[in-house]
């Protein structure tokens, strides 16, 4: 697929199925992307941030985002009893804010809308990612001092 970025440049991107060997690059990306928010919340731990990904990595439900032929991020869409959980949605910092995340999210939500199922996720309190999700129809379902839990019903943006 092709996505025109906020600066007018086109980015060719695709989703490919994750493989077990993708776990380490994804764990490193997670540590990089989450570090500012985790530090702000006083919860950054160099080892734990990577190990939590390793412990929950599910290649069968994860897609790797490839942009202009290189590893750009990942996203997991895990089945649940009441819909899907969107997890581990990380995009390389130099690609954030350019529309690629929205394009990937739109593609995933078209799939869940056609399946007629809600999507749930959680973001860290104060994370800029919350605005991305709100633009795509997610609403706050619950929150605690660390996490904001959000849900999106099928066709929420229509």
N, C-alpha and C. Protein backbone atom coordinates (compact mmCIF):
# COMPACT_ATOMS: atom_id res chain seq x y z
N UNK A 1 0.84 -1.17 0.00
CA UNK A 1 0.00 0.00 0.00
C UNK A 1 0.88 1.23 0.00
N UNK A 2 0.28 2.32 -0.33
CA UNK A 2 1.05 3.56 -0.34
C UNK A 2 0.32 4.58 0.51
N UNK A 3 1.06 5.32 1.31
CA UNK A 3 0.51 6.34 2.19
C UNK A 3 1.26 7.64 1.96
N UNK A 4 0.52 8.71 1.66
CA UNK A 4 1.15 10.03 1.55
C UNK A 4 1.35 10.55 2.96
N UNK A 5 2.58 10.91 3.29
CA UNK A 5 2.89 11.39 4.64
C UNK A 5 2.42 12.83 4.81
N UNK A 6 2.50 13.31 6.03
CA UNK A 6 2.10 14.68 6.34
C UNK A 6 2.92 15.68 5.54
N UNK A 7 4.11 15.30 5.10
CA UNK A 7 4.97 16.21 4.33
C UNK A 7 4.88 15.97 2.83
N UNK A 8 3.86 15.20 2.42
CA UNK A 8 3.63 15.01 1.00
C UNK A 8 4.41 13.87 0.36
N UNK A 9 5.35 13.27 1.08
CA UNK A 9 6.14 12.17 0.53
C UNK A 9 5.33 10.88 0.62
N UNK A 10 5.39 10.06 -0.40
CA UNK A 10 4.69 8.78 -0.38
C UNK A 10 5.58 7.73 0.27
N UNK A 11 4.98 6.92 1.10
CA UNK A 11 5.69 5.81 1.73
C UNK A 11 5.00 4.53 1.30
N UNK A 12 5.74 3.61 0.73
CA UNK A 12 5.21 2.29 0.42
C UNK A 12 5.29 1.46 1.69
N UNK A 13 4.18 0.87 2.07
CA UNK A 13 4.19 0.08 3.29
C UNK A 13 3.35 -1.18 3.11
N UNK A 14 3.61 -2.13 3.97
CA UNK A 14 2.88 -3.40 3.95
C UNK A 14 2.93 -4.00 5.34
N UNK A 15 2.01 -4.91 5.58
CA UNK A 15 2.03 -5.73 6.78
C UNK A 15 2.43 -7.13 6.36
N UNK A 16 3.34 -7.71 7.11
CA UNK A 16 3.70 -9.11 6.86
C UNK A 16 3.55 -9.87 8.16
N UNK A 17 3.25 -11.15 8.08
CA UNK A 17 3.13 -11.94 9.31
C UNK A 17 4.45 -11.95 10.08
N UNK A 18 4.36 -11.82 11.38
CA UNK A 18 5.56 -11.89 12.22
C UNK A 18 6.07 -13.32 12.28
N UNK A 19 7.34 -13.43 12.55
CA UNK A 19 8.00 -14.72 12.74
C UNK A 19 8.64 -14.72 14.12
N UNK A 20 8.91 -15.88 14.68
CA UNK A 20 9.55 -15.91 16.00
C UNK A 20 10.84 -15.07 16.06
N UNK A 21 11.59 -15.02 14.97
CA UNK A 21 12.85 -14.26 14.95
C UNK A 21 12.64 -12.75 15.06
N UNK A 22 11.39 -12.28 14.90
CA UNK A 22 11.11 -10.84 15.00
C UNK A 22 11.06 -10.35 16.45
N UNK A 23 11.06 -11.25 17.41
CA UNK A 23 10.85 -10.85 18.80
C UNK A 23 11.89 -9.83 19.29
N UNK A 24 13.16 -10.01 18.97
CA UNK A 24 14.18 -9.09 19.50
C UNK A 24 14.10 -7.70 18.87
N UNK A 25 13.98 -7.57 17.54
CA UNK A 25 13.81 -6.22 16.99
C UNK A 25 12.56 -5.52 17.54
N UNK A 26 11.49 -6.28 17.74
CA UNK A 26 10.27 -5.69 18.28
C UNK A 26 10.47 -5.29 19.74
N UNK A 27 11.15 -6.12 20.52
CA UNK A 27 11.43 -5.76 21.92
C UNK A 27 12.27 -4.49 22.01
N UNK A 28 13.24 -4.35 21.12
CA UNK A 28 14.06 -3.12 21.11
C UNK A 28 13.23 -1.90 20.72
N UNK A 29 12.37 -2.06 19.72
CA UNK A 29 11.51 -0.95 19.32
C UNK A 29 10.58 -0.56 20.46
N UNK A 30 10.03 -1.54 21.14
CA UNK A 30 9.14 -1.26 22.29
C UNK A 30 9.88 -0.44 23.34
N UNK A 31 11.09 -0.84 23.66
CA UNK A 31 11.87 -0.11 24.67
C UNK A 31 12.10 1.34 24.25
N UNK A 32 12.40 1.54 22.99
CA UNK A 32 12.65 2.89 22.47
C UNK A 32 11.39 3.74 22.50
N UNK A 33 10.30 3.19 21.99
CA UNK A 33 9.05 3.94 21.86
C UNK A 33 8.42 4.24 23.21
N UNK A 34 8.45 3.28 24.12
CA UNK A 34 7.76 3.46 25.39
C UNK A 34 8.59 4.19 26.45
N UNK A 35 9.88 4.30 26.23
CA UNK A 35 10.75 4.88 27.26
C UNK A 35 10.29 6.25 27.77
N UNK A 36 10.00 7.24 26.91
CA UNK A 36 9.61 8.56 27.44
C UNK A 36 8.37 8.51 28.35
N UNK A 37 7.34 7.77 27.94
CA UNK A 37 6.14 7.69 28.78
C UNK A 37 6.40 6.91 30.06
N UNK A 38 7.13 5.81 29.97
CA UNK A 38 7.43 5.05 31.17
C UNK A 38 8.31 5.84 32.14
N UNK A 39 9.27 6.59 31.62
CA UNK A 39 10.09 7.43 32.50
C UNK A 39 9.25 8.52 33.16
N UNK A 40 8.36 9.14 32.39
CA UNK A 40 7.49 10.18 32.93
C UNK A 40 6.63 9.63 34.07
N UNK A 41 6.20 8.37 33.94
CA UNK A 41 5.38 7.73 34.97
C UNK A 41 6.21 7.07 36.07
N UNK A 42 7.55 7.17 35.96
CA UNK A 42 8.42 6.56 36.96
C UNK A 42 8.43 5.05 36.92
N UNK A 43 8.20 4.47 35.74
CA UNK A 43 8.08 3.01 35.63
C UNK A 43 9.04 2.37 34.63
N UNK A 44 10.03 3.13 34.15
CA UNK A 44 10.94 2.55 33.16
C UNK A 44 11.93 1.62 33.84
N UNK A 45 12.03 0.43 33.31
CA UNK A 45 13.01 -0.57 33.74
C UNK A 45 13.59 -1.18 32.47
N UNK A 46 14.87 -0.97 32.26
CA UNK A 46 15.58 -1.38 31.05
C UNK A 46 15.32 -2.85 30.67
N UNK A 47 15.32 -3.74 31.63
CA UNK A 47 15.11 -5.16 31.36
C UNK A 47 13.62 -5.47 31.21
N UNK A 48 12.82 -4.99 32.13
CA UNK A 48 11.39 -5.33 32.16
C UNK A 48 10.66 -4.91 30.89
N UNK A 49 10.99 -3.74 30.34
CA UNK A 49 10.29 -3.25 29.16
C UNK A 49 10.46 -4.21 27.98
N UNK A 50 11.59 -4.84 27.89
CA UNK A 50 11.84 -5.82 26.82
C UNK A 50 11.25 -7.19 27.17
N UNK A 51 11.42 -7.60 28.43
CA UNK A 51 10.97 -8.92 28.84
C UNK A 51 9.46 -9.07 28.76
N UNK A 52 8.72 -8.01 29.07
CA UNK A 52 7.25 -8.08 28.97
C UNK A 52 6.83 -8.38 27.54
N UNK A 53 7.53 -7.82 26.57
CA UNK A 53 7.22 -8.12 25.16
C UNK A 53 7.58 -9.58 24.86
N UNK A 54 8.76 -9.99 25.27
CA UNK A 54 9.18 -11.38 25.00
C UNK A 54 8.18 -12.37 25.59
N UNK A 55 7.71 -12.10 26.81
CA UNK A 55 6.80 -13.01 27.50
C UNK A 55 5.43 -13.09 26.84
N UNK A 56 5.01 -12.02 26.17
CA UNK A 56 3.66 -12.00 25.60
C UNK A 56 3.66 -12.06 24.07
N UNK A 57 4.83 -12.19 23.45
CA UNK A 57 4.92 -12.17 21.99
C UNK A 57 4.13 -13.32 21.39
N UNK A 58 3.27 -12.97 20.46
CA UNK A 58 2.39 -13.93 19.81
C UNK A 58 2.53 -13.77 18.29
N UNK A 59 3.53 -14.44 17.68
CA UNK A 59 3.75 -14.24 16.25
C UNK A 59 2.52 -14.52 15.40
N UNK A 60 1.68 -15.47 15.81
CA UNK A 60 0.52 -15.81 15.00
C UNK A 60 -0.52 -14.70 14.94
N UNK A 61 -0.46 -13.72 15.86
CA UNK A 61 -1.41 -12.61 15.87
C UNK A 61 -0.74 -11.26 15.60
N UNK A 62 0.56 -11.30 15.30
CA UNK A 62 1.33 -10.07 15.13
C UNK A 62 1.69 -9.87 13.67
N UNK A 63 1.65 -8.61 13.26
CA UNK A 63 2.10 -8.22 11.92
C UNK A 63 3.27 -7.26 12.07
N UNK A 64 4.23 -7.41 11.20
CA UNK A 64 5.36 -6.49 11.13
C UNK A 64 5.02 -5.44 10.07
N UNK A 65 5.25 -4.19 10.40
CA UNK A 65 5.03 -3.09 9.46
C UNK A 65 6.35 -2.86 8.73
N UNK A 66 6.29 -2.93 7.41
CA UNK A 66 7.46 -2.70 6.57
C UNK A 66 7.17 -1.43 5.75
N UNK A 67 8.05 -0.44 5.86
CA UNK A 67 7.88 0.81 5.12
C UNK A 67 9.11 1.04 4.27
N UNK A 68 8.87 1.29 3.00
CA UNK A 68 9.96 1.48 2.04
C UNK A 68 10.99 0.36 2.15
N UNK A 69 10.49 -0.86 2.36
CA UNK A 69 11.34 -2.05 2.36
C UNK A 69 12.06 -2.35 3.65
N UNK A 70 11.86 -1.56 4.73
CA UNK A 70 12.58 -1.82 5.98
C UNK A 70 11.60 -1.95 7.15
N UNK A 71 12.07 -2.61 8.20
CA UNK A 71 11.30 -2.78 9.43
C UNK A 71 10.92 -1.40 9.98
N UNK A 72 9.62 -1.18 10.15
CA UNK A 72 9.14 0.12 10.62
C UNK A 72 8.32 0.02 11.90
N UNK A 73 7.89 -1.18 12.25
CA UNK A 73 7.07 -1.33 13.45
C UNK A 73 6.35 -2.65 13.48
N UNK A 74 5.35 -2.70 14.35
CA UNK A 74 4.58 -3.93 14.52
C UNK A 74 3.23 -3.60 15.14
N UNK A 75 2.34 -4.57 15.07
CA UNK A 75 1.04 -4.47 15.73
C UNK A 75 0.51 -5.89 15.94
N UNK A 76 -0.13 -6.08 17.10
CA UNK A 76 -0.76 -7.35 17.41
C UNK A 76 -2.26 -7.14 17.51
N UNK A 77 -3.02 -8.00 16.88
CA UNK A 77 -4.47 -8.00 16.98
C UNK A 77 -4.87 -9.38 17.47
N UNK A 78 -5.07 -9.47 18.78
CA UNK A 78 -5.28 -10.76 19.44
C UNK A 78 -6.77 -11.03 19.64
N UNK A 79 -7.22 -12.23 19.30
CA UNK A 79 -8.63 -12.57 19.55
C UNK A 79 -8.92 -12.63 21.05
N UNK A 80 -10.12 -12.23 21.40
CA UNK A 80 -10.60 -12.30 22.78
C UNK A 80 -12.05 -12.77 22.74
N UNK A 81 -12.58 -13.16 23.90
CA UNK A 81 -13.96 -13.65 23.96
C UNK A 81 -14.95 -12.62 23.42
N UNK A 82 -14.67 -11.34 23.66
CA UNK A 82 -15.63 -10.29 23.31
C UNK A 82 -15.14 -9.39 22.18
N UNK A 83 -14.27 -9.87 21.32
CA UNK A 83 -13.78 -9.06 20.21
C UNK A 83 -12.31 -9.29 19.95
N UNK A 84 -11.55 -8.19 19.87
CA UNK A 84 -10.10 -8.25 19.64
C UNK A 84 -9.40 -7.29 20.58
N UNK A 85 -8.16 -7.60 20.91
CA UNK A 85 -7.28 -6.69 21.66
C UNK A 85 -6.19 -6.21 20.72
N UNK A 86 -6.05 -4.91 20.61
CA UNK A 86 -4.98 -4.28 19.84
C UNK A 86 -3.83 -4.05 20.81
N UNK A 87 -2.70 -4.69 20.52
CA UNK A 87 -1.56 -4.63 21.43
C UNK A 87 -0.27 -4.40 20.65
N UNK A 88 0.73 -3.97 21.36
CA UNK A 88 2.08 -3.85 20.79
C UNK A 88 2.09 -3.13 19.44
N UNK A 89 1.43 -1.99 19.39
CA UNK A 89 1.41 -1.17 18.18
C UNK A 89 2.52 -0.13 18.34
N UNK A 90 3.66 -0.42 17.73
CA UNK A 90 4.83 0.44 17.83
C UNK A 90 5.30 0.80 16.44
N UNK A 91 5.64 2.06 16.29
CA UNK A 91 6.14 2.58 15.02
C UNK A 91 7.45 3.29 15.29
N UNK A 92 8.43 3.08 14.42
CA UNK A 92 9.74 3.73 14.59
C UNK A 92 9.55 5.23 14.79
N UNK A 93 10.26 5.82 15.73
CA UNK A 93 10.07 7.25 16.04
C UNK A 93 10.18 8.17 14.83
N UNK A 94 11.07 7.87 13.89
CA UNK A 94 11.22 8.77 12.74
C UNK A 94 10.06 8.67 11.76
N UNK A 95 9.16 7.70 11.95
CA UNK A 95 7.98 7.56 11.10
C UNK A 95 6.69 8.01 11.79
N UNK A 96 6.78 8.34 13.06
CA UNK A 96 5.59 8.77 13.80
C UNK A 96 5.17 10.17 13.38
N UNK A 97 3.87 10.42 13.44
CA UNK A 97 3.34 11.74 13.13
C UNK A 97 3.24 12.05 11.65
N UNK A 98 3.38 11.05 10.81
CA UNK A 98 3.37 11.26 9.36
C UNK A 98 2.19 10.59 8.67
N UNK A 99 1.30 9.98 9.43
CA UNK A 99 0.13 9.34 8.84
C UNK A 99 0.23 7.85 8.64
N UNK A 100 1.41 7.28 8.81
CA UNK A 100 1.56 5.84 8.61
C UNK A 100 0.80 5.05 9.68
N UNK A 101 0.89 5.47 10.93
CA UNK A 101 0.16 4.79 12.00
C UNK A 101 -1.33 4.79 11.75
N UNK A 102 -1.86 5.93 11.30
CA UNK A 102 -3.30 6.00 10.97
C UNK A 102 -3.65 5.06 9.83
N UNK A 103 -2.80 4.98 8.83
CA UNK A 103 -3.06 4.09 7.70
C UNK A 103 -3.10 2.63 8.15
N UNK A 104 -2.15 2.24 8.98
CA UNK A 104 -2.12 0.86 9.50
C UNK A 104 -3.36 0.61 10.34
N UNK A 105 -3.69 1.54 11.23
CA UNK A 105 -4.84 1.38 12.10
C UNK A 105 -6.14 1.28 11.29
N UNK A 106 -6.29 2.12 10.28
CA UNK A 106 -7.48 2.06 9.42
C UNK A 106 -7.62 0.67 8.78
N UNK A 107 -6.51 0.13 8.30
CA UNK A 107 -6.53 -1.20 7.67
C UNK A 107 -7.00 -2.27 8.66
N UNK A 108 -6.49 -2.23 9.88
CA UNK A 108 -6.89 -3.21 10.89
C UNK A 108 -8.35 -3.04 11.28
N UNK A 109 -8.79 -1.78 11.41
CA UNK A 109 -10.17 -1.54 11.83
C UNK A 109 -11.18 -1.88 10.74
N UNK A 110 -10.78 -1.79 9.49
CA UNK A 110 -11.66 -2.25 8.41
C UNK A 110 -11.92 -3.75 8.58
N UNK A 111 -10.88 -4.47 8.95
CA UNK A 111 -11.01 -5.92 9.17
C UNK A 111 -11.93 -6.21 10.35
N UNK A 112 -11.71 -5.54 11.48
CA UNK A 112 -12.56 -5.82 12.65
C UNK A 112 -13.98 -5.34 12.43
N UNK A 113 -14.16 -4.24 11.68
CA UNK A 113 -15.52 -3.79 11.37
C UNK A 113 -16.24 -4.83 10.53
N UNK A 114 -15.55 -5.40 9.54
CA UNK A 114 -16.20 -6.41 8.69
C UNK A 114 -16.52 -7.67 9.50
N UNK A 115 -15.73 -7.93 10.55
CA UNK A 115 -16.02 -9.06 11.44
C UNK A 115 -17.11 -8.71 12.46
N UNK A 116 -17.44 -7.41 12.57
CA UNK A 116 -18.49 -6.98 13.50
C UNK A 116 -18.12 -7.08 14.96
N UNK A 117 -16.83 -6.91 15.27
CA UNK A 117 -16.39 -7.08 16.66
C UNK A 117 -15.76 -5.80 17.21
N UNK A 118 -15.92 -5.56 18.52
CA UNK A 118 -15.26 -4.42 19.14
C UNK A 118 -13.77 -4.68 19.31
N UNK A 119 -13.01 -3.60 19.44
CA UNK A 119 -11.57 -3.67 19.65
C UNK A 119 -11.26 -2.94 20.95
N UNK A 120 -10.44 -3.56 21.78
CA UNK A 120 -10.01 -2.96 23.04
C UNK A 120 -8.50 -2.78 23.02
N UNK A 121 -8.04 -1.83 23.81
CA UNK A 121 -6.61 -1.59 23.96
C UNK A 121 -6.38 -0.82 25.25
N UNK A 122 -5.12 -0.70 25.61
CA UNK A 122 -4.78 0.22 26.70
C UNK A 122 -3.54 1.00 26.30
N UNK A 123 -3.52 2.24 26.77
CA UNK A 123 -2.38 3.13 26.56
C UNK A 123 -1.97 3.67 27.92
N UNK A 124 -0.73 4.13 28.00
CA UNK A 124 -0.26 4.73 29.24
C UNK A 124 -0.88 6.10 29.43
N UNK A 125 -1.17 6.45 30.66
CA UNK A 125 -1.70 7.78 30.98
C UNK A 125 -0.79 8.84 30.37
N UNK A 126 -1.38 9.82 29.70
CA UNK A 126 -0.63 10.92 29.13
C UNK A 126 0.04 10.64 27.80
N UNK A 127 -0.12 9.44 27.27
CA UNK A 127 0.51 9.08 26.00
C UNK A 127 -0.17 9.80 24.85
N UNK A 128 0.62 10.30 23.92
CA UNK A 128 0.07 10.95 22.74
C UNK A 128 -0.68 9.95 21.85
N UNK A 129 -0.43 8.66 22.02
CA UNK A 129 -1.13 7.64 21.23
C UNK A 129 -2.64 7.67 21.51
N UNK A 130 -3.04 8.14 22.67
CA UNK A 130 -4.46 8.18 22.99
C UNK A 130 -5.22 9.04 21.98
N UNK A 131 -4.62 10.14 21.54
CA UNK A 131 -5.28 11.01 20.55
C UNK A 131 -5.47 10.29 19.21
N UNK A 132 -4.47 9.50 18.81
CA UNK A 132 -4.60 8.71 17.58
C UNK A 132 -5.81 7.79 17.67
N UNK A 133 -5.92 7.08 18.78
CA UNK A 133 -7.02 6.14 18.94
C UNK A 133 -8.37 6.86 18.99
N UNK A 134 -8.43 7.99 19.66
CA UNK A 134 -9.69 8.74 19.72
C UNK A 134 -10.13 9.20 18.33
N UNK A 135 -9.16 9.60 17.49
CA UNK A 135 -9.50 10.01 16.12
C UNK A 135 -10.10 8.85 15.31
N UNK A 136 -9.83 7.63 15.73
CA UNK A 136 -10.33 6.45 15.01
C UNK A 136 -11.50 5.80 15.73
N UNK A 137 -12.16 6.54 16.61
CA UNK A 137 -13.40 6.06 17.21
C UNK A 137 -13.30 5.36 18.55
N UNK A 138 -12.11 5.28 19.13
CA UNK A 138 -11.97 4.66 20.45
C UNK A 138 -12.43 5.64 21.53
N UNK A 139 -13.06 5.10 22.56
CA UNK A 139 -13.47 5.90 23.71
C UNK A 139 -12.92 5.26 24.98
N UNK A 140 -12.76 6.09 26.00
CA UNK A 140 -12.24 5.59 27.28
C UNK A 140 -13.31 4.75 27.95
N UNK A 141 -12.90 3.55 28.35
CA UNK A 141 -13.79 2.62 29.03
C UNK A 141 -13.51 2.62 30.53
N UNK A 142 -12.23 2.76 30.88
CA UNK A 142 -11.81 2.75 32.28
C UNK A 142 -10.39 3.30 32.34
N UNK A 143 -9.95 3.68 33.51
CA UNK A 143 -8.56 4.10 33.67
C UNK A 143 -8.13 3.94 35.11
N UNK A 144 -6.82 3.88 35.28
CA UNK A 144 -6.20 3.83 36.59
C UNK A 144 -5.01 4.79 36.55
N UNK A 145 -4.22 4.88 37.60
CA UNK A 145 -3.12 5.86 37.59
C UNK A 145 -2.06 5.63 36.50
N UNK A 146 -2.00 4.43 35.93
CA UNK A 146 -0.99 4.12 34.92
C UNK A 146 -1.59 3.96 33.53
N UNK A 147 -2.71 3.26 33.42
CA UNK A 147 -3.27 2.89 32.12
C UNK A 147 -4.63 3.53 31.85
N UNK A 148 -4.89 3.73 30.56
CA UNK A 148 -6.20 4.14 30.07
C UNK A 148 -6.69 3.01 29.18
N UNK A 149 -7.86 2.45 29.51
CA UNK A 149 -8.43 1.34 28.74
C UNK A 149 -9.48 1.91 27.80
N UNK A 150 -9.36 1.56 26.52
CA UNK A 150 -10.22 2.12 25.50
C UNK A 150 -10.92 1.01 24.71
N UNK A 151 -12.05 1.36 24.12
CA UNK A 151 -12.81 0.40 23.30
C UNK A 151 -13.33 1.14 22.07
N UNK A 152 -13.47 0.39 21.00
CA UNK A 152 -14.05 0.90 19.76
C UNK A 152 -15.04 -0.13 19.26
N UNK A 153 -16.27 0.32 19.08
CA UNK A 153 -17.32 -0.55 18.55
C UNK A 153 -17.19 -0.60 17.02
N UNK A 154 -17.68 -1.67 16.39
CA UNK A 154 -17.61 -1.75 14.93
C UNK A 154 -18.24 -0.51 14.29
N UNK A 155 -17.61 -0.02 13.23
CA UNK A 155 -18.09 1.13 12.48
C UNK A 155 -18.23 2.38 13.34
N UNK A 156 -17.38 2.56 14.33
CA UNK A 156 -17.49 3.68 15.26
C UNK A 156 -17.26 5.04 14.61
N UNK A 157 -16.58 5.07 13.49
CA UNK A 157 -16.29 6.36 12.86
C UNK A 157 -17.32 6.74 11.80
N UNK A 158 -18.29 5.87 11.56
CA UNK A 158 -19.32 6.18 10.53
C UNK A 158 -20.44 6.95 11.13
